[in-house]
Amino acid sequence: MKKNVLVFGLIAGAIVTAMMVFSAAKCYGDANFESSMVLGYASMLLAFSFIFVGIKNYRDKYNNGIISFGKAFKIGLYISLIASTLYVVVWLFDYYLFIPDFMDKYTAHALLEAKKAGATAVEMAEKTKQMNDYKELYKNPLYVILLTYSEILPIGIIVSILAALILKRKNSSMHKVENPLAV
């Protein structure tokens, strides 16, 4: 199981981190955070499709076509954790080494969007305070880690649950012996 989880976790992690770096560079360059966010979450779903592949591969190749919900969920969760950890580590390197003013640009973008949406002076003041608080929290690496995990890991958990429900199999249809006397 360890090799299976590691292989599919690393594949999922490579996909999601490559897309995150591309997406961050794109939104950082043209300040289009919305399309980058959509691209980011789509890439997470694409990467986490390897949870299905990993569970099915383990069930069919290593477990005689049988897998419980619990075992399937555990495999999916481990794949999610590996991919999510790669995502977090790469984001930390990207943020601290290449785009340390990301939060300044994101704050400016969020305030501009609020203004375009017709926010009142009071709403703008609230939004400004909220974004400044957010920027202050983002100065703490622990908060950056937790926030980044909160972006990706819930999606992996949901996909793991769905994959475990879909792929669980109590009996292998290939190895099932039927009793000819049973009615």
Protein backbone atom coordinates (compact mmCIF):
# COMPACT_ATOMS: atom_id res chain seq x y z
CA MET A 1 0.00 0.00 0.00
CA LYS A 2 2.85 2.39 0.83
CA LYS A 3 4.32 2.35 -2.68
CA ASN A 4 0.88 2.77 -4.26
CA VAL A 5 0.02 5.74 -2.02
CA LEU A 6 3.43 7.35 -2.54
CA VAL A 7 3.35 7.03 -6.33
CA PHE A 8 -0.17 8.42 -6.75
CA GLY A 9 0.33 11.06 -4.07
CA LEU A 10 3.46 12.33 -5.81
CA ILE A 11 1.74 12.35 -9.21
CA ALA A 12 -1.21 14.31 -7.78
CA GLY A 13 1.18 16.62 -5.94
CA ALA A 14 3.23 17.27 -9.08
CA ILE A 15 0.12 18.19 -11.05
CA VAL A 16 -1.36 20.49 -8.43
CA THR A 17 1.94 22.22 -7.62
CA ALA A 18 2.83 22.80 -11.27
CA MET A 19 -0.57 24.34 -11.88
CA MET A 20 -0.33 26.40 -8.68
CA VAL A 21 3.03 27.86 -9.71
CA PHE A 22 1.66 28.63 -13.19
CA SER A 23 -1.52 30.11 -11.75
CA ALA A 24 0.33 32.22 -9.16
CA ALA A 25 2.69 33.57 -11.82
CA LYS A 26 -0.24 34.33 -14.12
CA CYS A 27 -2.31 36.18 -11.52
CA TYR A 28 0.78 37.90 -10.15
CA GLY A 29 1.60 39.19 -13.62
CA ASP A 30 -1.85 40.33 -14.78
CA ALA A 31 -3.63 40.66 -11.40
CA ASN A 32 -6.46 38.39 -12.58
CA PHE A 33 -7.05 36.52 -9.34
CA GLU A 34 -10.51 35.14 -10.22
CA SER A 35 -9.46 33.15 -13.29
CA SER A 36 -6.38 31.92 -11.45
CA MET A 37 -8.56 30.74 -8.58
CA VAL A 38 -10.82 28.83 -10.96
CA LEU A 39 -7.77 27.31 -12.66
CA GLY A 40 -6.32 26.42 -9.25
CA TYR A 41 -9.39 24.57 -8.02
CA ALA A 42 -9.84 22.82 -11.38
CA SER A 43 -6.24 21.60 -11.18
CA MET A 44 -6.91 20.32 -7.66
CA LEU A 45 -9.81 18.25 -8.95
CA LEU A 46 -7.67 16.98 -11.83
CA ALA A 47 -4.84 16.07 -9.47
CA PHE A 48 -7.18 14.40 -7.00
CA SER A 49 -8.59 12.21 -9.78
CA PHE A 50 -5.48 10.16 -9.00
CA ILE A 51 -7.14 9.23 -5.73
CA PHE A 52 -9.61 7.16 -7.77
CA VAL A 53 -6.78 5.68 -9.80
CA GLY A 54 -4.72 4.89 -6.70
CA ILE A 55 -7.58 3.21 -4.85
CA LYS A 56 -8.64 1.21 -7.91
CA ASN A 57 -5.05 0.20 -8.60
CA TYR A 58 -4.60 -1.05 -5.03
CA ARG A 59 -7.96 -2.83 -5.00
CA ASP A 60 -7.46 -4.61 -8.32
CA LYS A 61 -3.71 -5.31 -8.33
CA TYR A 62 -2.84 -5.85 -4.69
CA ASN A 63 -6.04 -6.79 -2.90
CA ASN A 64 -7.76 -9.34 -5.18
CA GLY A 65 -10.46 -6.89 -6.28
CA ILE A 66 -11.75 -6.35 -2.75
CA ILE A 67 -11.54 -3.19 -0.64
CA SER A 68 -13.53 -1.86 2.29
CA PHE A 69 -14.70 1.71 2.52
CA GLY A 70 -12.29 2.32 5.41
CA LYS A 71 -9.24 1.00 3.58
CA ALA A 72 -10.16 2.88 0.40
CA PHE A 73 -10.70 6.09 2.36
CA LYS A 74 -7.36 5.65 4.12
CA ILE A 75 -5.56 5.27 0.79
CA GLY A 76 -7.33 8.34 -0.58
CA LEU A 77 -6.55 10.33 2.56
CA TYR A 78 -2.85 9.45 2.38
CA ILE A 79 -2.72 10.41 -1.30
CA SER A 80 -4.45 13.70 -0.39
CA LEU A 81 -1.99 14.37 2.42
CA ILE A 82 1.04 13.78 0.20
CA ALA A 83 -0.31 15.98 -2.60
CA SER A 84 -1.44 18.68 -0.15
CA THR A 85 1.91 18.71 1.62
CA LEU A 86 3.74 19.17 -1.68
CA TYR A 87 1.33 21.99 -2.51
CA VAL A 88 1.99 23.71 0.84
CA VAL A 89 5.78 23.34 0.62
CA VAL A 90 5.93 24.66 -2.94
CA TRP A 91 3.64 27.59 -2.02
CA LEU A 92 5.93 28.48 0.89
CA PHE A 93 8.98 28.54 -1.40
CA ASP A 94 7.09 30.44 -4.10
CA TYR A 95 5.65 32.99 -1.68
CA TYR A 96 8.71 33.68 0.46
CA LEU A 97 11.33 33.54 -2.30
CA PHE A 98 9.62 34.81 -5.44
CA ILE A 99 6.45 36.75 -4.63
CA PRO A 100 6.77 38.11 -1.08
CA ASP A 101 4.49 41.05 -1.94
CA PHE A 102 1.67 38.74 -3.07
CA MET A 103 -0.58 39.79 -0.18
CA ASP A 104 -0.08 43.47 -1.04
CA LYS A 105 -1.19 42.80 -4.61
CA TYR A 106 -4.06 40.60 -3.49
CA THR A 107 -5.23 43.24 -0.99
CA ALA A 108 -5.16 45.95 -3.66
CA HIS A 109 -7.14 43.66 -5.97
CA ALA A 110 -9.74 42.84 -3.30
CA LEU A 111 -10.23 46.51 -2.46
CA LEU A 112 -10.54 47.43 -6.15
CA GLU A 113 -13.15 44.70 -6.65
CA ALA A 114 -15.11 45.96 -3.62
CA LYS A 115 -15.01 49.48 -5.01
CA LYS A 116 -16.17 48.27 -8.46
CA ALA A 117 -19.03 46.42 -6.78
CA GLY A 118 -20.22 49.71 -5.31
CA ALA A 119 -19.12 49.33 -1.71
CA THR A 120 -19.98 52.27 0.51
CA ALA A 121 -17.31 54.18 2.46
CA VAL A 122 -18.16 52.18 5.59
CA GLU A 123 -17.97 48.88 3.68
CA MET A 124 -14.65 49.93 2.15
CA ALA A 125 -13.30 50.75 5.61
CA GLU A 126 -14.40 47.32 6.87
CA LYS A 127 -12.89 45.60 3.84
CA THR A 128 -9.64 47.52 4.27
CA LYS A 129 -9.44 46.50 7.94
CA GLN A 130 -10.26 42.90 7.06
CA MET A 131 -7.56 42.75 4.38
CA ASN A 132 -4.99 44.43 6.64
CA ASP A 133 -5.75 41.90 9.38
CA TYR A 134 -5.38 39.14 6.84
CA LYS A 135 -2.02 40.54 5.68
CA GLU A 136 -0.85 40.70 9.29
CA LEU A 137 -1.79 37.05 9.87
CA TYR A 138 -0.03 36.09 6.66
CA LYS A 139 3.26 37.32 8.14
CA ASN A 140 3.23 34.25 10.38
CA PRO A 141 4.49 31.15 8.49
CA LEU A 142 2.34 28.85 10.63
CA TYR A 143 -0.75 30.73 9.52
CA VAL A 144 0.40 30.53 5.90
CA ILE A 145 0.79 26.76 6.26
CA LEU A 146 -2.63 26.31 7.88
CA LEU A 147 -4.38 28.54 5.37
CA THR A 148 -2.73 26.79 2.44
CA TYR A 149 -3.69 23.35 3.77
CA SER A 150 -7.26 24.64 4.21
CA GLU A 151 -7.39 25.51 0.52
CA ILE A 152 -6.55 22.04 -0.76
CA LEU A 153 -6.98 19.32 1.88
CA PRO A 154 -10.80 19.54 2.22
CA ILE A 155 -11.11 18.89 -1.50
CA GLY A 156 -8.86 15.84 -1.18
CA ILE A 157 -10.92 14.55 1.73
CA ILE A 158 -14.18 14.96 -0.19
CA VAL A 159 -12.73 13.20 -3.24
CA SER A 160 -11.39 10.44 -0.96
CA ILE A 161 -14.85 9.87 0.53
CA LEU A 162 -16.49 9.78 -2.90
CA ALA A 163 -13.84 7.47 -4.32
CA ALA A 164 -14.10 5.12 -1.33
CA LEU A 165 -17.89 4.99 -1.70
CA ILE A 166 -17.68 4.30 -5.43
CA LEU A 167 -14.79 1.83 -5.38
CA LYS A 168 -15.53 -0.22 -2.24
CA ARG A 169 -16.16 -3.85 -3.01
CA LYS A 170 -16.84 -6.58 -0.48
CA ASN A 171 -16.54 -9.50 -2.86
CA SER A 172 -14.46 -9.85 -5.95
CA SER A 173 -16.71 -10.83 -8.85
CA MET A 174 -13.73 -12.59 -10.45
CA HIS A 175 -13.10 -14.82 -7.43
CA LYS A 176 -16.65 -15.35 -6.26
CA VAL A 177 -17.63 -19.02 -6.02
CA GLU A 178 -21.33 -19.60 -6.21
CA ASN A 179 -23.06 -22.52 -4.57
CA PRO A 180 -24.99 -24.37 -7.29
CA LEU A 181 -27.38 -25.78 -4.65
CA ALA A 182 -28.40 -22.34 -3.35
CA VAL A 183 -31.68 -20.93 -4.56
